[in-house]
Amino acid sequence: MMEFSKFQKNWKSAIAENFFFRIVILMLLAIIAIGSVILQSDPIVVLAPPEIKDKMRIERQSASPEYYREMAVFFSILAGNLSPQNAAFNVEALLKYVHPSVFAEVKNVLMGQVVGVIKNQVTQAYYPDRAEVNGSTVLVSGMLSRKVANSTPVVERLDYQMRINIRDYKAYLEEFTAIYPDRKGVAAESIEDKVRKEFNQFTKPKEESP
């Protein structure tokens, strides 16, 4: 009788343990199944540009309007605020976001701009006050104050129009155009043309006298 009671007790214990392990196995299978679904889908990453104002979203090939806006403002500040002390640093920072298809050309042009800023003692400050987002194109508007050496600063409105491409969660500049609305009769010019025109005299090799 005692042996039977002991056997019955052990049997019930074995059944309970078996049930418990079945539950654990089912939970593990469920976790594995959920994990495989998550890994197969494209993740959505929440990031914040240098200035955090609103929550924004960036995916593998696209982003929320807030992200485009803040990145565009960031790019305009890098390009618009230059001095002999920070020109090289700002240009290097901006080049990290230039699209590979135009990187070599833009790098040569912007490095020429650094030379011009340093040699001519150009100091300029850009104050963006508005940014309009239209898909991946952003128009940043603001005021530019520029001074050459010890001359009187010249203040005028400057707009930067840019197209930003999202590739593998990173923002790249595909187009970057400087527009001067107050200059009547002056068409919009790309940043490359603007730099070549304004600083060409400082990047040309000096001609030797005969």
N, C-alpha and C. Protein backbone atom coordinates (compact mmCIF):
# COMPACT_ATOMS: atom_id res chain seq x y z
N MET A 1 0.84 -1.20 0.00
CA MET A 1 0.00 0.00 0.00
C MET A 1 0.88 1.25 0.00
N MET A 2 1.95 1.19 0.83
CA MET A 2 2.85 2.33 0.91
C MET A 2 3.58 2.54 -0.41
N GLU A 3 3.99 1.41 -1.05
CA GLU A 3 4.70 1.52 -2.33
C GLU A 3 3.80 2.13 -3.39
N PHE A 4 2.51 1.78 -3.39
CA PHE A 4 1.57 2.32 -4.37
C PHE A 4 1.39 3.83 -4.19
N SER A 5 1.28 4.27 -2.92
CA SER A 5 1.13 5.70 -2.64
C SER A 5 2.36 6.48 -3.10
N LYS A 6 3.52 5.89 -2.88
CA LYS A 6 4.75 6.55 -3.30
C LYS A 6 4.81 6.64 -4.82
N PHE A 7 4.39 5.54 -5.49
CA PHE A 7 4.37 5.53 -6.94
C PHE A 7 3.38 6.57 -7.48
N GLN A 8 2.22 6.66 -6.86
CA GLN A 8 1.20 7.61 -7.30
C GLN A 8 1.69 9.06 -7.14
N LYS A 9 2.40 9.31 -6.04
CA LYS A 9 2.92 10.64 -5.79
C LYS A 9 3.97 11.02 -6.83
N ASN A 10 4.88 10.08 -7.11
CA ASN A 10 5.93 10.33 -8.10
C ASN A 10 5.32 10.52 -9.49
N TRP A 11 4.28 9.76 -9.79
CA TRP A 11 3.62 9.86 -11.10
C TRP A 11 2.98 11.24 -11.29
N LYS A 12 2.29 11.72 -10.26
CA LYS A 12 1.68 13.04 -10.34
C LYS A 12 2.74 14.13 -10.49
N SER A 13 3.85 13.94 -9.79
CA SER A 13 4.95 14.90 -9.88
C SER A 13 5.53 14.91 -11.30
N ALA A 14 5.68 13.74 -11.88
CA ALA A 14 6.22 13.64 -13.24
C ALA A 14 5.28 14.29 -14.25
N ILE A 15 3.97 14.09 -14.06
CA ILE A 15 2.99 14.70 -14.97
C ILE A 15 3.05 16.23 -14.86
N ALA A 16 3.17 16.73 -13.64
CA ALA A 16 3.25 18.18 -13.44
C ALA A 16 4.50 18.76 -14.09
N GLU A 17 5.65 18.08 -13.91
CA GLU A 17 6.89 18.55 -14.51
C GLU A 17 6.81 18.52 -16.04
N ASN A 18 6.19 17.48 -16.56
CA ASN A 18 6.05 17.35 -18.00
C ASN A 18 5.20 18.49 -18.57
N PHE A 19 4.13 18.82 -17.87
CA PHE A 19 3.26 19.92 -18.29
C PHE A 19 4.01 21.24 -18.26
N PHE A 20 4.81 21.45 -17.20
CA PHE A 20 5.58 22.69 -17.06
C PHE A 20 6.58 22.85 -18.21
N PHE A 21 7.29 21.77 -18.51
CA PHE A 21 8.29 21.85 -19.59
C PHE A 21 7.63 22.06 -20.95
N ARG A 22 6.44 21.52 -21.13
CA ARG A 22 5.72 21.75 -22.39
C ARG A 22 5.39 23.24 -22.55
N ILE A 23 4.96 23.86 -21.46
CA ILE A 23 4.64 25.28 -21.49
C ILE A 23 5.88 26.09 -21.84
N VAL A 24 7.01 25.74 -21.20
CA VAL A 24 8.26 26.46 -21.45
C VAL A 24 8.67 26.32 -22.91
N ILE A 25 8.56 25.11 -23.46
CA ILE A 25 8.93 24.87 -24.86
C ILE A 25 8.04 25.68 -25.80
N LEU A 26 6.74 25.71 -25.52
CA LEU A 26 5.82 26.48 -26.35
C LEU A 26 6.15 27.98 -26.30
N MET A 27 6.53 28.49 -25.13
CA MET A 27 6.89 29.89 -25.01
C MET A 27 8.16 30.20 -25.80
N LEU A 28 9.14 29.29 -25.73
CA LEU A 28 10.37 29.49 -26.48
C LEU A 28 10.11 29.48 -27.98
N LEU A 29 9.25 28.57 -28.44
CA LEU A 29 8.91 28.51 -29.86
C LEU A 29 8.22 29.80 -30.31
N ALA A 30 7.34 30.32 -29.44
CA ALA A 30 6.65 31.57 -29.77
C ALA A 30 7.64 32.74 -29.87
N ILE A 31 8.61 32.80 -28.96
CA ILE A 31 9.62 33.86 -28.99
C ILE A 31 10.46 33.77 -30.25
N ILE A 32 10.85 32.54 -30.64
CA ILE A 32 11.65 32.35 -31.84
C ILE A 32 10.87 32.78 -33.08
N ALA A 33 9.57 32.44 -33.11
CA ALA A 33 8.73 32.80 -34.27
C ALA A 33 8.59 34.31 -34.39
N ILE A 34 8.36 34.98 -33.26
CA ILE A 34 8.23 36.45 -33.27
C ILE A 34 9.55 37.09 -33.69
N GLY A 35 10.66 36.54 -33.17
CA GLY A 35 11.97 37.09 -33.51
C GLY A 35 12.27 36.96 -34.99
N SER A 36 11.90 35.85 -35.59
CA SER A 36 12.17 35.66 -37.02
C SER A 36 11.36 36.64 -37.87
N VAL A 37 10.13 36.94 -37.45
CA VAL A 37 9.31 37.91 -38.18
C VAL A 37 9.92 39.30 -38.10
N ILE A 38 10.42 39.67 -36.90
CA ILE A 38 11.02 40.98 -36.72
C ILE A 38 12.28 41.13 -37.55
N LEU A 39 13.11 40.07 -37.58
CA LEU A 39 14.35 40.13 -38.33
C LEU A 39 14.12 40.20 -39.83
N GLN A 40 13.02 39.64 -40.30
CA GLN A 40 12.75 39.63 -41.73
C GLN A 40 12.19 40.96 -42.21
N SER A 41 11.62 41.75 -41.33
CA SER A 41 11.03 43.03 -41.72
C SER A 41 12.04 44.15 -41.55
N ASP A 42 11.88 45.24 -42.31
CA ASP A 42 12.76 46.40 -42.20
C ASP A 42 12.48 47.13 -40.90
N PRO A 43 13.50 47.35 -40.07
CA PRO A 43 13.26 48.05 -38.81
C PRO A 43 13.03 49.53 -39.03
N ILE A 44 12.33 50.14 -38.10
CA ILE A 44 12.12 51.58 -38.11
C ILE A 44 12.95 52.16 -36.98
N VAL A 45 13.83 53.09 -37.31
CA VAL A 45 14.75 53.65 -36.34
C VAL A 45 14.35 55.08 -36.02
N VAL A 46 14.30 55.40 -34.76
CA VAL A 46 13.99 56.77 -34.34
C VAL A 46 15.30 57.47 -34.01
N LEU A 47 15.62 58.52 -34.77
CA LEU A 47 16.86 59.27 -34.57
C LEU A 47 16.55 60.74 -34.39
N ALA A 48 17.53 61.48 -33.96
CA ALA A 48 17.37 62.93 -33.80
C ALA A 48 18.58 63.63 -34.36
N PRO A 49 18.39 64.61 -35.26
CA PRO A 49 19.49 65.42 -35.77
C PRO A 49 20.10 66.26 -34.65
N PRO A 50 21.10 67.11 -34.97
CA PRO A 50 21.78 67.87 -33.93
C PRO A 50 20.86 68.67 -33.01
N GLU A 51 19.80 69.26 -33.56
CA GLU A 51 18.86 70.01 -32.72
C GLU A 51 17.57 69.22 -32.58
N ILE A 52 17.20 68.91 -31.36
CA ILE A 52 16.02 68.08 -31.11
C ILE A 52 14.84 68.98 -30.78
N LYS A 53 13.84 68.97 -31.65
CA LYS A 53 12.61 69.73 -31.39
C LYS A 53 11.41 68.80 -31.29
N ASP A 54 11.30 67.88 -32.25
CA ASP A 54 10.18 66.95 -32.27
C ASP A 54 10.71 65.54 -32.49
N LYS A 55 9.90 64.58 -32.10
CA LYS A 55 10.25 63.19 -32.39
C LYS A 55 10.16 62.98 -33.88
N MET A 56 11.15 62.28 -34.44
CA MET A 56 11.17 62.07 -35.88
C MET A 56 11.52 60.63 -36.20
N ARG A 57 11.23 60.24 -37.44
CA ARG A 57 11.41 58.84 -37.84
C ARG A 57 12.28 58.76 -39.08
N ILE A 58 13.16 57.76 -39.10
CA ILE A 58 13.94 57.50 -40.30
C ILE A 58 13.92 56.00 -40.58
N GLU A 59 13.63 55.65 -41.83
CA GLU A 59 13.63 54.26 -42.27
C GLU A 59 14.78 54.05 -43.24
N ARG A 60 14.86 52.86 -43.82
CA ARG A 60 16.00 52.55 -44.67
C ARG A 60 16.13 53.51 -45.86
N GLN A 61 14.99 53.87 -46.48
CA GLN A 61 15.03 54.70 -47.68
C GLN A 61 14.21 55.99 -47.57
N SER A 62 13.69 56.29 -46.41
CA SER A 62 12.86 57.49 -46.27
C SER A 62 12.86 57.97 -44.82
N ALA A 63 12.24 59.13 -44.61
CA ALA A 63 12.19 59.69 -43.26
C ALA A 63 10.97 60.58 -43.14
N SER A 64 10.66 60.96 -41.92
CA SER A 64 9.53 61.85 -41.68
C SER A 64 9.92 63.28 -42.07
N PRO A 65 8.92 64.14 -42.38
CA PRO A 65 9.22 65.54 -42.75
C PRO A 65 10.05 66.27 -41.70
N GLU A 66 9.81 65.95 -40.43
CA GLU A 66 10.57 66.62 -39.36
C GLU A 66 12.06 66.33 -39.47
N TYR A 67 12.39 65.10 -39.88
CA TYR A 67 13.80 64.72 -40.02
C TYR A 67 14.45 65.49 -41.17
N TYR A 68 13.75 65.55 -42.31
CA TYR A 68 14.28 66.30 -43.45
C TYR A 68 14.50 67.76 -43.07
N ARG A 69 13.55 68.31 -42.34
CA ARG A 69 13.63 69.73 -41.97
C ARG A 69 14.85 70.00 -41.10
N GLU A 70 15.03 69.22 -40.04
CA GLU A 70 16.12 69.48 -39.12
C GLU A 70 17.48 69.22 -39.76
N MET A 71 17.58 68.19 -40.60
CA MET A 71 18.84 67.93 -41.28
C MET A 71 19.18 69.05 -42.25
N ALA A 72 18.17 69.57 -42.95
CA ALA A 72 18.39 70.66 -43.89
C ALA A 72 18.88 71.92 -43.17
N VAL A 73 18.28 72.22 -42.04
CA VAL A 73 18.72 73.38 -41.25
C VAL A 73 20.17 73.18 -40.80
N PHE A 74 20.48 71.97 -40.39
CA PHE A 74 21.85 71.64 -39.96
C PHE A 74 22.84 71.86 -41.10
N PHE A 75 22.50 71.38 -42.32
CA PHE A 75 23.37 71.56 -43.47
C PHE A 75 23.56 73.04 -43.82
N SER A 76 22.48 73.81 -43.74
CA SER A 76 22.57 75.23 -44.07
C SER A 76 23.45 75.98 -43.08
N ILE A 77 23.43 75.60 -41.84
CA ILE A 77 24.27 76.23 -40.83
C ILE A 77 25.74 75.90 -41.07
N LEU A 78 26.02 74.65 -41.44
CA LEU A 78 27.40 74.27 -41.74
C LEU A 78 27.94 75.06 -42.94
N ALA A 79 27.10 75.19 -43.98
CA ALA A 79 27.54 75.87 -45.20
C ALA A 79 27.57 77.38 -45.04
N GLY A 80 26.67 77.95 -44.24
CA GLY A 80 26.54 79.39 -44.16
C GLY A 80 27.40 80.07 -43.13
N ASN A 81 27.88 79.33 -42.14
CA ASN A 81 28.69 79.93 -41.08
C ASN A 81 30.16 79.57 -41.29
N LEU A 82 30.90 80.50 -41.86
CA LEU A 82 32.30 80.23 -42.19
C LEU A 82 33.19 81.37 -41.71
N SER A 83 34.39 81.00 -41.33
CA SER A 83 35.42 81.98 -40.94
C SER A 83 36.77 81.30 -41.16
N PRO A 84 37.85 82.05 -41.13
CA PRO A 84 39.16 81.42 -41.28
C PRO A 84 39.44 80.36 -40.22
N GLN A 85 38.80 80.50 -39.06
CA GLN A 85 39.05 79.56 -37.97
C GLN A 85 38.26 78.25 -38.11
N ASN A 86 37.05 78.30 -38.70
CA ASN A 86 36.23 77.08 -38.71
C ASN A 86 35.90 76.55 -40.10
N ALA A 87 36.38 77.21 -41.15
CA ALA A 87 35.99 76.82 -42.51
C ALA A 87 36.34 75.37 -42.81
N ALA A 88 37.56 74.96 -42.52
CA ALA A 88 37.98 73.59 -42.81
C ALA A 88 37.15 72.59 -42.03
N PHE A 89 36.90 72.89 -40.76
CA PHE A 89 36.11 71.97 -39.93
C PHE A 89 34.69 71.82 -40.46
N ASN A 90 34.04 72.94 -40.78
CA ASN A 90 32.66 72.90 -41.28
C ASN A 90 32.55 72.17 -42.60
N VAL A 91 33.50 72.41 -43.49
CA VAL A 91 33.47 71.75 -44.79
C VAL A 91 33.67 70.24 -44.64
N GLU A 92 34.60 69.84 -43.79
CA GLU A 92 34.81 68.41 -43.55
C GLU A 92 33.55 67.77 -42.99
N ALA A 93 32.87 68.46 -42.09
CA ALA A 93 31.62 67.93 -41.52
C ALA A 93 30.54 67.81 -42.58
N LEU A 94 30.45 68.80 -43.46
CA LEU A 94 29.43 68.78 -44.51
C LEU A 94 29.71 67.68 -45.53
N LEU A 95 30.98 67.44 -45.84
CA LEU A 95 31.35 66.44 -46.83
C LEU A 95 30.94 65.03 -46.42
N LYS A 96 30.80 64.80 -45.12
CA LYS A 96 30.37 63.48 -44.65
C LYS A 96 28.96 63.13 -45.12
N TYR A 97 28.19 64.14 -45.53
CA TYR A 97 26.81 63.93 -45.94
C TYR A 97 26.60 64.13 -47.44
N VAL A 98 27.67 64.34 -48.19
CA VAL A 98 27.54 64.53 -49.63
C VAL A 98 27.38 63.17 -50.32
N HIS A 99 26.45 63.10 -51.26
CA HIS A 99 26.16 61.85 -51.96
C HIS A 99 27.41 61.37 -52.71
N PRO A 100 27.69 60.07 -52.69
CA PRO A 100 28.89 59.53 -53.35
C PRO A 100 29.00 59.89 -54.83
N SER A 101 27.87 60.05 -55.52
CA SER A 101 27.89 60.33 -56.96
C SER A 101 28.49 61.69 -57.29
N VAL A 102 28.48 62.62 -56.34
CA VAL A 102 29.02 63.96 -56.58
C VAL A 102 30.11 64.33 -55.58
N PHE A 103 30.56 63.37 -54.81
CA PHE A 103 31.47 63.67 -53.70
C PHE A 103 32.78 64.29 -54.18
N ALA A 104 33.42 63.68 -55.18
CA ALA A 104 34.73 64.16 -55.62
C ALA A 104 34.68 65.61 -56.10
N GLU A 105 33.69 65.93 -56.92
CA GLU A 105 33.56 67.29 -57.45
C GLU A 105 33.27 68.29 -56.34
N VAL A 106 32.33 67.95 -55.48
CA VAL A 106 31.96 68.87 -54.40
C VAL A 106 33.13 69.08 -53.44
N LYS A 107 33.88 68.02 -53.16
CA LYS A 107 35.02 68.15 -52.26
C LYS A 107 36.04 69.13 -52.81
N ASN A 108 36.37 69.02 -54.10
CA ASN A 108 37.33 69.94 -54.71
C ASN A 108 36.86 71.38 -54.62
N VAL A 109 35.56 71.57 -54.87
CA VAL A 109 35.01 72.93 -54.85
C VAL A 109 35.02 73.51 -53.43
N LEU A 110 34.57 72.72 -52.46
CA LEU A 110 34.49 73.23 -51.09
C LEU A 110 35.87 73.45 -50.48
N MET A 111 36.83 72.61 -50.84
CA MET A 111 38.19 72.85 -50.35
C MET A 111 38.75 74.14 -50.94
N GLY A 112 38.36 74.45 -52.19
CA GLY A 112 38.73 75.73 -52.77
C GLY A 112 38.12 76.88 -52.01
N GLN A 113 36.89 76.66 -51.52
CA GLN A 113 36.22 77.70 -50.73
C GLN A 113 36.97 77.94 -49.42
N VAL A 114 37.47 76.88 -48.82
CA VAL A 114 38.23 77.04 -47.58
C VAL A 114 39.46 77.91 -47.81
N VAL A 115 40.16 77.67 -48.91
CA VAL A 115 41.33 78.47 -49.26
C VAL A 115 40.94 79.94 -49.42
N GLY A 116 39.83 80.19 -50.13
CA GLY A 116 39.39 81.56 -50.33
C GLY A 116 39.01 82.26 -49.05
N VAL A 117 38.31 81.56 -48.16
CA VAL A 117 37.90 82.14 -46.88
C VAL A 117 39.12 82.54 -46.05
N ILE A 118 40.11 81.67 -46.03
CA ILE A 118 41.29 81.94 -45.21
C ILE A 118 42.12 83.07 -45.80
N LYS A 119 42.38 83.02 -47.10
CA LYS A 119 43.23 84.04 -47.73
C LYS A 119 42.58 85.42 -47.74
N ASN A 120 41.27 85.47 -47.91
CA ASN A 120 40.59 86.76 -48.00
C ASN A 120 39.97 87.19 -46.67
N GLN A 121 40.20 86.38 -45.62
CA GLN A 121 39.68 86.71 -44.29
C GLN A 121 38.17 86.97 -44.33
N VAL A 122 37.45 86.02 -44.92
CA VAL A 122 36.00 86.13 -45.03
C VAL A 122 35.35 85.55 -43.76
N THR A 123 34.44 86.31 -43.21
CA THR A 123 33.67 85.83 -42.07
C THR A 123 32.19 86.02 -42.40
N GLN A 124 31.44 84.95 -42.34
CA GLN A 124 30.00 85.06 -42.62
C GLN A 124 29.21 84.24 -41.63
N ALA A 125 28.03 84.76 -41.31
CA ALA A 125 27.13 84.09 -40.36
C ALA A 125 25.76 83.96 -41.01
N TYR A 126 25.16 82.78 -40.85
CA TYR A 126 23.85 82.52 -41.45
C TYR A 126 22.83 82.27 -40.36
N TYR A 127 21.67 82.94 -40.50
CA TYR A 127 20.61 82.84 -39.50
C TYR A 127 19.33 82.33 -40.15
N PRO A 128 19.13 81.02 -40.20
CA PRO A 128 17.90 80.48 -40.81
C PRO A 128 16.68 80.82 -39.99
N ASP A 129 15.59 81.18 -40.67
CA ASP A 129 14.36 81.52 -39.95
C ASP A 129 13.13 80.76 -40.46
N ARG A 130 13.32 79.96 -41.53
CA ARG A 130 12.18 79.21 -42.06
C ARG A 130 12.68 78.01 -42.86
N ALA A 131 11.93 76.92 -42.80
CA ALA A 131 12.27 75.73 -43.58
C ALA A 131 10.98 75.09 -44.08
N GLU A 132 10.90 74.89 -45.39
CA GLU A 132 9.72 74.30 -46.00
C GLU A 132 10.10 72.95 -46.62
N VAL A 133 9.34 71.92 -46.27
CA VAL A 133 9.63 70.56 -46.73
C VAL A 133 8.61 70.16 -47.78
N ASN A 134 9.12 69.65 -48.90
CA ASN A 134 8.27 69.13 -49.97
C ASN A 134 8.86 67.80 -50.42
N GLY A 135 8.41 66.74 -49.78
CA GLY A 135 8.99 65.43 -50.06
C GLY A 135 10.42 65.37 -49.54
N SER A 136 11.38 65.07 -50.42
CA SER A 136 12.78 65.04 -50.03
C SER A 136 13.49 66.35 -50.33
N THR A 137 12.74 67.34 -50.84
CA THR A 137 13.32 68.66 -51.14
C THR A 137 12.97 69.64 -50.02
N VAL A 138 13.96 70.39 -49.57
CA VAL A 138 13.75 71.34 -48.48
C VAL A 138 14.31 72.70 -48.89
N LEU A 139 13.55 73.76 -48.61
CA LEU A 139 14.00 75.13 -48.84
C LEU A 139 14.19 75.80 -47.48
N VAL A 140 15.43 76.14 -47.17
CA VAL A 140 15.75 76.83 -45.92
C VAL A 140 16.01 78.29 -46.24
N SER A 141 15.31 79.19 -45.56
CA SER A 141 15.45 80.63 -45.78
C SER A 141 16.05 81.28 -44.54
N GLY A 142 16.85 82.32 -44.78
CA GLY A 142 17.45 83.02 -43.65
C GLY A 142 18.22 84.24 -44.10
N MET A 143 18.90 84.88 -43.16
CA MET A 143 19.68 86.06 -43.45
C MET A 143 21.17 85.72 -43.34
N LEU A 144 21.94 86.25 -44.31
CA LEU A 144 23.39 86.04 -44.33
C LEU A 144 24.10 87.36 -44.08
N SER A 145 25.03 87.37 -43.15
CA SER A 145 25.86 88.53 -42.88
C SER A 145 27.30 88.15 -43.24
N ARG A 146 27.88 88.87 -44.21
CA ARG A 146 29.21 88.53 -44.68
C ARG A 146 30.13 89.74 -44.61
N LYS A 147 31.36 89.50 -44.13
CA LYS A 147 32.35 90.56 -44.02
C LYS A 147 33.68 90.05 -44.57
N VAL A 148 34.30 90.86 -45.41
CA VAL A 148 35.60 90.53 -45.96
C VAL A 148 36.65 91.39 -45.26
N ALA A 149 37.56 90.73 -44.54
CA ALA A 149 38.61 91.42 -43.77
C ALA A 149 37.97 92.44 -42.83
N ASN A 150 38.36 93.70 -42.95
CA ASN A 150 37.84 94.74 -42.06
C ASN A 150 36.76 95.59 -42.70
N SER A 151 36.16 95.09 -43.78
CA SER A 151 35.12 95.86 -44.47
C SER A 151 33.82 95.83 -43.68
N THR A 152 32.87 96.67 -44.08
CA THR A 152 31.56 96.70 -43.44
C THR A 152 30.76 95.44 -43.83
N PRO A 153 30.13 94.79 -42.89
CA PRO A 153 29.36 93.58 -43.21
C PRO A 153 28.21 93.87 -44.18
N VAL A 154 27.99 92.95 -45.08
CA VAL A 154 26.87 93.03 -46.02
C VAL A 154 25.84 92.00 -45.60
N VAL A 155 24.60 92.45 -45.45
CA VAL A 155 23.52 91.57 -45.01
C VAL A 155 22.52 91.39 -46.14
N GLU A 156 22.16 90.19 -46.45
CA GLU A 156 21.18 89.90 -47.49
C GLU A 156 20.51 88.57 -47.20
N ARG A 157 19.35 88.37 -47.84
CA ARG A 157 18.63 87.12 -47.65
C ARG A 157 19.25 86.04 -48.52
N LEU A 158 19.39 84.86 -47.93
CA LEU A 158 19.95 83.71 -48.63
C LEU A 158 19.09 82.48 -48.36
N ASP A 159 18.69 81.82 -49.45
CA ASP A 159 17.93 80.57 -49.34
C ASP A 159 18.79 79.42 -49.82
N TYR A 160 18.71 78.32 -49.12
CA TYR A 160 19.37 77.09 -49.56
C TYR A 160 18.29 76.09 -49.94
N GLN A 161 18.31 75.66 -51.19
CA GLN A 161 17.40 74.61 -51.63
C GLN A 161 18.20 73.33 -51.79
N MET A 162 17.74 72.28 -51.16
CA MET A 162 18.50 71.03 -51.20
C MET A 162 17.59 69.82 -51.33
N ARG A 163 18.13 68.78 -51.93
CA ARG A 163 17.42 67.50 -51.98
C ARG A 163 18.23 66.49 -51.19
N ILE A 164 17.54 65.83 -50.26
CA ILE A 164 18.20 64.91 -49.35
C ILE A 164 17.76 63.49 -49.67
N ASN A 165 18.73 62.62 -49.85
CA ASN A 165 18.46 61.21 -50.15
C ASN A 165 18.77 60.38 -48.91
N ILE A 166 17.84 59.50 -48.54
CA ILE A 166 18.06 58.61 -47.41
C ILE A 166 18.51 57.25 -47.95
N ARG A 167 19.69 56.83 -47.55
CA ARG A 167 20.21 55.55 -47.99
C ARG A 167 20.74 54.81 -46.78
N ASP A 168 20.15 53.63 -46.49
CA ASP A 168 20.57 52.83 -45.34
C ASP A 168 20.59 53.66 -44.07
N TYR A 169 19.50 54.41 -43.86
CA TYR A 169 19.26 55.18 -42.64
C TYR A 169 20.12 56.44 -42.52
N LYS A 170 20.91 56.77 -43.54
CA LYS A 170 21.74 57.97 -43.46
C LYS A 170 21.30 58.99 -44.49
N ALA A 171 21.36 60.27 -44.11
CA ALA A 171 20.96 61.35 -45.01
C ALA A 171 22.15 61.78 -45.86
N TYR A 172 21.90 61.88 -47.19
CA TYR A 172 22.93 62.33 -48.12
C TYR A 172 22.40 63.53 -48.91
N LEU A 173 23.27 64.50 -49.14
CA LEU A 173 22.93 65.65 -49.98
C LEU A 173 23.13 65.28 -51.44
N GLU A 174 22.06 65.38 -52.23
CA GLU A 174 22.15 65.13 -53.66
C GLU A 174 22.21 66.44 -54.44
N GLU A 175 21.51 67.46 -53.95
CA GLU A 175 21.53 68.78 -54.57
C GLU A 175 21.61 69.83 -53.47
N PHE A 176 22.32 70.92 -53.77
CA PHE A 176 22.48 72.00 -52.79
C PHE A 176 22.66 73.30 -53.55
N THR A 177 21.64 74.13 -53.55
CA THR A 177 21.64 75.34 -54.36
C THR A 177 21.45 76.58 -53.49
N ALA A 178 22.27 77.60 -53.75
CA ALA A 178 22.15 78.89 -53.04
C ALA A 178 21.33 79.85 -53.88
N ILE A 179 20.33 80.47 -53.28
CA ILE A 179 19.45 81.41 -53.98
C ILE A 179 19.44 82.73 -53.22
N TYR A 180 19.65 83.84 -53.95
CA TYR A 180 19.64 85.17 -53.35
C TYR A 180 18.40 85.92 -53.85
N PRO A 181 17.30 85.89 -53.11
CA PRO A 181 16.04 86.52 -53.58
C PRO A 181 16.14 88.02 -53.79
N ASP A 182 16.99 88.70 -53.02
CA ASP A 182 17.08 90.16 -53.13
C ASP A 182 17.92 90.63 -54.30
N ARG A 183 18.64 89.74 -54.92
CA ARG A 183 19.47 90.13 -56.06
C ARG A 183 18.62 90.02 -57.34
N LYS A 184 18.01 91.09 -57.71
CA LYS A 184 17.13 91.08 -58.88
C LYS A 184 17.92 90.81 -60.16
N GLY A 185 17.37 89.92 -60.95
CA GLY A 185 18.02 89.59 -62.22
C GLY A 185 19.12 88.56 -62.08
N VAL A 186 19.37 88.10 -60.84
CA VAL A 186 20.39 87.08 -60.63
C VAL A 186 19.71 85.74 -60.42
N ALA A 187 19.97 84.79 -61.30
CA ALA A 187 19.32 83.48 -61.22
C ALA A 187 19.95 82.66 -60.10
N ALA A 188 19.23 81.64 -59.70
CA ALA A 188 19.75 80.72 -58.69
C ALA A 188 21.01 80.05 -59.22
N GLU A 189 21.95 79.83 -58.34
CA GLU A 189 23.19 79.18 -58.75
C GLU A 189 23.50 78.05 -57.79
N SER A 190 24.11 77.01 -58.33
CA SER A 190 24.48 75.90 -57.48
C SER A 190 25.60 76.34 -56.56
N ILE A 191 25.79 75.64 -55.48
CA ILE A 191 26.85 76.01 -54.54
C ILE A 191 28.20 75.91 -55.21
N GLU A 192 28.34 74.97 -56.17
CA GLU A 192 29.60 74.82 -56.88
C GLU A 192 29.90 76.07 -57.71
N ASP A 193 28.89 76.55 -58.49
CA ASP A 193 29.10 77.74 -59.31
C ASP A 193 29.36 78.97 -58.43
N LYS A 194 28.65 79.06 -57.32
CA LYS A 194 28.81 80.20 -56.42
C LYS A 194 30.23 80.25 -55.87
N VAL A 195 30.74 79.10 -55.46
CA VAL A 195 32.08 79.07 -54.88
C VAL A 195 33.13 79.39 -55.94
N ARG A 196 32.96 78.81 -57.12
CA ARG A 196 33.93 79.06 -58.20
C ARG A 196 33.99 80.56 -58.54
N LYS A 197 32.82 81.21 -58.58
CA LYS A 197 32.76 82.62 -58.96
C LYS A 197 33.35 83.52 -57.89
N GLU A 198 33.01 83.25 -56.64
CA GLU A 198 33.40 84.15 -55.56
C GLU A 198 34.84 83.96 -55.12
N PHE A 199 35.38 82.76 -55.27
CA PHE A 199 36.71 82.49 -54.74
C PHE A 199 37.70 82.03 -55.81
N ASN A 200 37.34 82.20 -57.06
CA ASN A 200 38.20 81.74 -58.15
C ASN A 200 39.56 82.44 -58.12
N GLN A 201 39.55 83.70 -57.75
CA GLN A 201 40.79 84.48 -57.78
C GLN A 201 41.81 83.97 -56.76
N PHE A 202 41.32 83.25 -55.75
CA PHE A 202 42.23 82.79 -54.70
C PHE A 202 42.74 81.38 -54.95
N THR A 203 42.10 80.65 -55.86
CA THR A 203 42.49 79.27 -56.11
C THR A 203 43.29 79.10 -57.39
N LYS A 204 43.33 80.16 -58.23
CA LYS A 204 44.12 80.08 -59.46
C LYS A 204 45.61 80.14 -59.14
N PRO A 205 46.43 79.35 -59.82
CA PRO A 205 47.88 79.46 -59.59
C PRO A 205 48.40 80.79 -60.09
N LYS A 206 49.32 81.36 -59.39
CA LYS A 206 49.87 82.66 -59.77
C LYS A 206 50.75 82.50 -61.00
N GLU A 207 50.63 83.47 -61.92
CA GLU A 207 51.45 83.43 -63.13
C GLU A 207 52.78 84.13 -62.86
N GLU A 208 53.84 83.49 -63.30
CA GLU A 208 55.16 84.04 -63.08
C GLU A 208 55.42 85.18 -64.08
N SER A 209 56.10 86.18 -63.62
CA SER A 209 56.43 87.32 -64.49
C SER A 209 57.52 86.91 -65.46
N PRO A 210 57.43 87.36 -66.71
CA PRO A 210 58.46 87.00 -67.71
C PRO A 210 59.81 87.63 -67.36
